[in-house]
Amino acid sequence: MADAISSLRERFDPRIADAMARAHATATGLPKYLGITVVEFSAGRLVAEMEVREELLNPLGTMHGGVMAGLIDHCLGTVLYPLMKRGQWAATTEFKLNYLAAVQKGKLVAESTVLALTSRTAVVRVEVKNGDRLASIAQGTVLIVDPQPKSPSGERPS
């Protein structure tokens, strides 16, 4: 395990981590709608949080499972960017999610940890807490995709 942590530290680019944390302030799409903010970024570890809001609750007054899954999916990939080569991107291929406690109010804090990383894939665990309760835990596989080469005309092939 010490070798794996050392390898993550060697690959970690703090400039990318800082840029990604700042970019969350101007995020678009689902991260913006959910209100996800990055609290901490280090080699192989990301802590993000979001407030539980009324519009994210189901008719029974608890957080919709899809909202939790959206937070987890976002954290699965985001934790990898400072560890990848510039231009690569992360694509979740699968994750298994266990819902452990109903969430009705407060804040969700997601801790994403890289368990294994190769040049093509990563296995990542995400634990989500609501206050002092573990609300969910997930583990997923993420594909690391190289950028497509540009054609002589400067366009990427379709």
C-alpha atoms as a PDB file:
ATOM      1  CA  MET A   1       0.000   0.000   0.000  1.00  0.00           C
ATOM      2  CA  ALA A   2       2.875   2.395   0.719  1.00  0.00           C
ATOM      3  CA  ASP A   3       4.125   1.927  -2.873  1.00  0.00           C
ATOM      4  CA  ALA A   4       0.680   2.750  -4.250  1.00  0.00           C
ATOM      5  CA  ILE A   5       0.468   5.946  -2.173  1.00  0.00           C
ATOM      6  CA  SER A   6       3.979   6.939  -3.228  1.00  0.00           C
ATOM      7  CA  SER A   7       3.034   6.373  -6.886  1.00  0.00           C
ATOM      8  CA  LEU A   8      -0.051   8.597  -6.504  1.00  0.00           C
ATOM      9  CA  ARG A   9       2.058  11.354  -4.940  1.00  0.00           C
ATOM     10  CA  GLU A  10       4.503  11.186  -7.848  1.00  0.00           C
ATOM     11  CA  ARG A  11       1.680  11.483 -10.412  1.00  0.00           C
ATOM     12  CA  PHE A  12      -0.239  14.194  -8.538  1.00  0.00           C
ATOM     13  CA  ASP A  13      -0.247  17.625 -10.192  1.00  0.00           C
ATOM     14  CA  PRO A  14      -1.280  20.210  -7.565  1.00  0.00           C
ATOM     15  CA  ARG A  15      -1.804  22.862 -10.263  1.00  0.00           C
ATOM     16  CA  ILE A  16      -4.543  20.757 -11.861  1.00  0.00           C
ATOM     17  CA  ALA A  17      -6.097  20.064  -8.452  1.00  0.00           C
ATOM     18  CA  ASP A  18      -6.128  23.797  -7.644  1.00  0.00           C
ATOM     19  CA  ALA A  19      -7.586  24.655 -11.052  1.00  0.00           C
ATOM     20  CA  MET A  20     -10.313  22.044 -10.684  1.00  0.00           C
ATOM     21  CA  ALA A  21     -11.205  23.231  -7.179  1.00  0.00           C
ATOM     22  CA  ARG A  22     -11.460  26.829  -8.466  1.00  0.00           C
ATOM     23  CA  ALA A  23     -13.474  25.698 -11.507  1.00  0.00           C
ATOM     24  CA  HIS A  24     -16.176  24.275  -9.241  1.00  0.00           C
ATOM     25  CA  ALA A  25     -17.034  27.857  -8.285  1.00  0.00           C
ATOM     26  CA  THR A  26     -18.127  28.458 -11.893  1.00  0.00           C
ATOM     27  CA  ALA A  27     -19.310  24.920 -12.648  1.00  0.00           C
ATOM     28  CA  THR A  28     -22.128  24.264 -15.072  1.00  0.00           C
ATOM     29  CA  GLY A  29     -24.529  21.386 -15.587  1.00  0.00           C
ATOM     30  CA  LEU A  30     -25.243  18.866 -12.867  1.00  0.00           C
ATOM     31  CA  PRO A  31     -22.375  19.874 -10.508  1.00  0.00           C
ATOM     32  CA  LYS A  32     -23.719  23.447 -10.528  1.00  0.00           C
ATOM     33  CA  TYR A  33     -27.318  22.350 -10.020  1.00  0.00           C
ATOM     34  CA  LEU A  34     -26.334  20.089  -7.129  1.00  0.00           C
ATOM     35  CA  GLY A  35     -24.081  22.780  -5.656  1.00  0.00           C
ATOM     36  CA  ILE A  36     -21.017  20.543  -5.355  1.00  0.00           C
ATOM     37  CA  THR A  37     -17.944  22.309  -3.984  1.00  0.00           C
ATOM     38  CA  VAL A  38     -14.453  20.887  -3.590  1.00  0.00           C
ATOM     39  CA  VAL A  39     -13.174  21.212  -0.037  1.00  0.00           C
ATOM     40  CA  GLU A  40      -9.908  19.280  -0.249  1.00  0.00           C
ATOM     41  CA  PHE A  41      -7.777  17.785  -3.007  1.00  0.00           C
ATOM     42  CA  SER A  42      -4.673  15.686  -2.460  1.00  0.00           C
ATOM     43  CA  ALA A  43      -2.922  12.773  -4.158  1.00  0.00           C
ATOM     44  CA  GLY A  44      -5.645  10.172  -4.679  1.00  0.00           C
ATOM     45  CA  ARG A  45      -8.149  11.871  -2.382  1.00  0.00           C
ATOM     46  CA  LEU A  46     -10.948  14.373  -2.891  1.00  0.00           C
ATOM     47  CA  VAL A  47     -13.413  15.787  -0.392  1.00  0.00           C
ATOM     48  CA  ALA A  48     -16.477  17.507  -1.838  1.00  0.00           C
ATOM     49  CA  GLU A  49     -19.677  18.709  -0.246  1.00  0.00           C
ATOM     50  CA  MET A  50     -23.154  19.906  -1.080  1.00  0.00           C
ATOM     51  CA  GLU A  51     -26.124  21.244   0.846  1.00  0.00           C
ATOM     52  CA  VAL A  52     -29.320  19.204   1.026  1.00  0.00           C
ATOM     53  CA  ARG A  53     -32.043  21.394  -0.496  1.00  0.00           C
ATOM     54  CA  GLU A  54     -35.794  20.910  -0.684  1.00  0.00           C
ATOM     55  CA  GLU A  55     -35.816  20.479  -4.474  1.00  0.00           C
ATOM     56  CA  LEU A  56     -33.435  17.504  -4.110  1.00  0.00           C
ATOM     57  CA  LEU A  57     -35.843  15.572  -1.887  1.00  0.00           C
ATOM     58  CA  ASN A  58     -38.332  12.946  -3.019  1.00  0.00           C
ATOM     59  CA  PRO A  59     -42.071  13.128  -2.168  1.00  0.00           C
ATOM     60  CA  LEU A  60     -41.344  11.363   1.152  1.00  0.00           C
ATOM     61  CA  GLY A  61     -38.999  14.165   2.231  1.00  0.00           C
ATOM     62  CA  THR A  62     -35.712  12.290   1.850  1.00  0.00           C
ATOM     63  CA  MET A  63     -32.939  12.884  -0.655  1.00  0.00           C
ATOM     64  CA  HIS A  64     -33.610  11.260  -3.998  1.00  0.00           C
ATOM     65  CA  GLY A  65     -31.223   8.360  -4.643  1.00  0.00           C
ATOM     66  CA  GLY A  66     -30.345   9.764  -8.052  1.00  0.00           C
ATOM     67  CA  VAL A  67     -28.989  12.917  -6.414  1.00  0.00           C
ATOM     68  CA  MET A  68     -26.687  10.827  -4.233  1.00  0.00           C
ATOM     69  CA  ALA A  69     -25.632   8.812  -7.278  1.00  0.00           C
ATOM     70  CA  GLY A  70     -24.905  12.036  -9.186  1.00  0.00           C
ATOM     71  CA  LEU A  71     -22.665  13.312  -6.387  1.00  0.00           C
ATOM     72  CA  ILE A  72     -20.834   9.987  -6.237  1.00  0.00           C
ATOM     73  CA  ASP A  73     -20.378   9.724  -9.996  1.00  0.00           C
ATOM     74  CA  HIS A  74     -18.955  13.249 -10.109  1.00  0.00           C
ATOM     75  CA  CYS A  75     -16.467  12.484  -7.321  1.00  0.00           C
ATOM     76  CA  LEU A  76     -15.437   9.142  -8.892  1.00  0.00           C
ATOM     77  CA  GLY A  77     -13.979  10.919 -11.892  1.00  0.00           C
ATOM     78  CA  THR A  78     -12.919  14.266 -10.462  1.00  0.00           C
ATOM     79  CA  VAL A  79     -10.444  12.709  -8.021  1.00  0.00           C
ATOM     80  CA  LEU A  80      -8.471  11.335 -10.979  1.00  0.00           C
ATOM     81  CA  TYR A  81      -7.760  14.454 -13.026  1.00  0.00           C
ATOM     82  CA  PRO A  82      -4.663  15.601 -11.089  1.00  0.00           C
ATOM     83  CA  LEU A  83      -3.271  12.055 -11.508  1.00  0.00           C
ATOM     84  CA  MET A  84      -3.795  11.740 -15.264  1.00  0.00           C
ATOM     85  CA  LYS A  85      -1.819  13.119 -18.194  1.00  0.00           C
ATOM     86  CA  ARG A  86      -3.010  16.435 -19.552  1.00  0.00           C
ATOM     87  CA  GLY A  87      -5.734  15.938 -22.140  1.00  0.00           C
ATOM     88  CA  GLN A  88      -6.957  12.625 -20.745  1.00  0.00           C
ATOM     89  CA  TRP A  89     -10.455  12.377 -19.324  1.00  0.00           C
ATOM     90  CA  ALA A  90     -12.222  10.054 -16.912  1.00  0.00           C
ATOM     91  CA  ALA A  91     -15.344   8.062 -17.834  1.00  0.00           C
ATOM     92  CA  THR A  92     -17.189   6.060 -15.202  1.00  0.00           C
ATOM     93  CA  THR A  93     -17.851   2.568 -16.522  1.00  0.00           C
ATOM     94  CA  GLU A  94     -19.664   1.229 -13.466  1.00  0.00           C
ATOM     95  CA  PHE A  95     -20.199   1.714  -9.769  1.00  0.00           C
ATOM     96  CA  LYS A  96     -21.973  -0.122  -6.998  1.00  0.00           C
ATOM     97  CA  LEU A  97     -23.762   2.038  -4.485  1.00  0.00           C
ATOM     98  CA  ASN A  98     -25.136   1.149  -1.059  1.00  0.00           C
ATOM     99  CA  TYR A  99     -27.582   3.585   0.520  1.00  0.00           C
ATOM    100  CA  LEU A 100     -27.108   3.313   4.277  1.00  0.00           C
ATOM    101  CA  ALA A 101     -29.172   6.102   5.839  1.00  0.00           C
ATOM    102  CA  ALA A 102     -31.961   8.410   4.703  1.00  0.00           C
ATOM    103  CA  VAL A 103     -30.928  12.030   4.249  1.00  0.00           C
ATOM    104  CA  GLN A 104     -33.421  14.799   4.996  1.00  0.00           C
ATOM    105  CA  LYS A 105     -31.377  17.925   5.739  1.00  0.00           C
ATOM    106  CA  GLY A 106     -27.911  19.280   6.358  1.00  0.00           C
ATOM    107  CA  LYS A 107     -24.845  18.766   4.256  1.00  0.00           C
ATOM    108  CA  LEU A 108     -23.409  15.811   2.378  1.00  0.00           C
ATOM    109  CA  VAL A 109     -19.647  15.337   2.537  1.00  0.00           C
ATOM    110  CA  ALA A 110     -18.210  12.932  -0.028  1.00  0.00           C
ATOM    111  CA  GLU A 111     -14.708  11.519   0.395  1.00  0.00           C
ATOM    112  CA  SER A 112     -13.359   9.941  -2.784  1.00  0.00           C
ATOM    113  CA  THR A 113     -10.277   7.702  -2.548  1.00  0.00           C
ATOM    114  CA  VAL A 114      -8.325   6.092  -5.383  1.00  0.00           C
ATOM    115  CA  LEU A 115      -7.808   2.409  -4.536  1.00  0.00           C
ATOM    116  CA  ALA A 116      -5.986   1.346  -7.719  1.00  0.00           C
ATOM    117  CA  LEU A 117      -4.724   3.203 -10.764  1.00  0.00           C
ATOM    118  CA  THR A 118      -3.220   2.010 -14.036  1.00  0.00           C
ATOM    119  CA  SER A 119      -2.654   3.874 -17.279  1.00  0.00           C
ATOM    120  CA  ARG A 120      -6.151   2.873 -18.500  1.00  0.00           C
ATOM    121  CA  THR A 121      -8.397   2.330 -15.465  1.00  0.00           C
ATOM    122  CA  ALA A 122      -8.910   3.267 -11.857  1.00  0.00           C
ATOM    123  CA  VAL A 123     -10.909   1.833  -8.979  1.00  0.00           C
ATOM    124  CA  VAL A 124     -12.294   4.491  -6.669  1.00  0.00           C
ATOM    125  CA  ARG A 125     -14.247   4.352  -3.394  1.00  0.00           C
ATOM    126  CA  VAL A 126     -16.590   7.142  -2.303  1.00  0.00           C
ATOM    127  CA  GLU A 127     -18.048   7.469   1.195  1.00  0.00           C
ATOM    128  CA  VAL A 128     -20.777  10.041   1.760  1.00  0.00           C
ATOM    129  CA  LYS A 129     -21.584  11.336   5.239  1.00  0.00           C
ATOM    130  CA  ASN A 130     -24.523  13.394   6.428  1.00  0.00           C
ATOM    131  CA  GLY A 131     -23.371  14.880   9.703  1.00  0.00           C
ATOM    132  CA  ASP A 132     -21.839  12.039  11.703  1.00  0.00           C
ATOM    133  CA  ARG A 133     -23.807   9.322   9.829  1.00  0.00           C
ATOM    134  CA  LEU A 134     -22.505   7.345   6.880  1.00  0.00           C
ATOM    135  CA  ALA A 135     -25.263   7.880   4.299  1.00  0.00           C
ATOM    136  CA  SER A 136     -23.815   5.841   1.430  1.00  0.00           C
ATOM    137  CA  ILE A 137     -20.743   4.061   0.183  1.00  0.00           C
ATOM    138  CA  ALA A 138     -19.807   3.248  -3.394  1.00  0.00           C
ATOM    139  CA  GLN A 139     -17.004   1.696  -5.374  1.00  0.00           C
ATOM    140  CA  GLY A 140     -16.555   2.134  -9.084  1.00  0.00           C
ATOM    141  CA  THR A 141     -14.345   1.617 -12.100  1.00  0.00           C
ATOM    142  CA  VAL A 142     -13.310   4.569 -14.204  1.00  0.00           C
ATOM    143  CA  LEU A 143     -11.854   4.357 -17.693  1.00  0.00           C
ATOM    144  CA  ILE A 144      -9.006   6.757 -18.436  1.00  0.00           C
ATOM    145  CA  VAL A 145      -9.389   7.936 -22.006  1.00  0.00           C
ATOM    146  CA  ASP A 146      -6.591   9.392 -24.119  1.00  0.00           C
ATOM    147  CA  PRO A 147      -7.410  12.378 -26.301  1.00  0.00           C
ATOM    148  CA  GLN A 148      -8.110  11.533 -29.918  1.00  0.00           C
ATOM    149  CA  PRO A 149      -5.314  12.655 -32.228  1.00  0.00           C
ATOM    150  CA  LYS A 150      -6.076  15.553 -34.523  1.00  0.00           C
ATOM    151  CA  SER A 151      -6.171  15.012 -38.271  1.00  0.00           C
ATOM    152  CA  PRO A 152      -3.815  17.007 -40.524  1.00  0.00           C
ATOM    153  CA  SER A 153      -6.629  19.599 -40.925  1.00  0.00           C
ATOM    154  CA  GLY A 154      -6.634  20.109 -37.127  1.00  0.00           C
ATOM    155  CA  GLU A 155      -9.965  18.411 -36.478  1.00  0.00           C
ATOM    156  CA  ARG A 156     -10.526  15.377 -34.335  1.00  0.00           C
ATOM    157  CA  PRO A 157     -11.887  12.318 -36.177  1.00  0.00           C
ATOM    158  CA  SER A 158     -15.503  11.455 -35.385  1.00  0.00           C
END
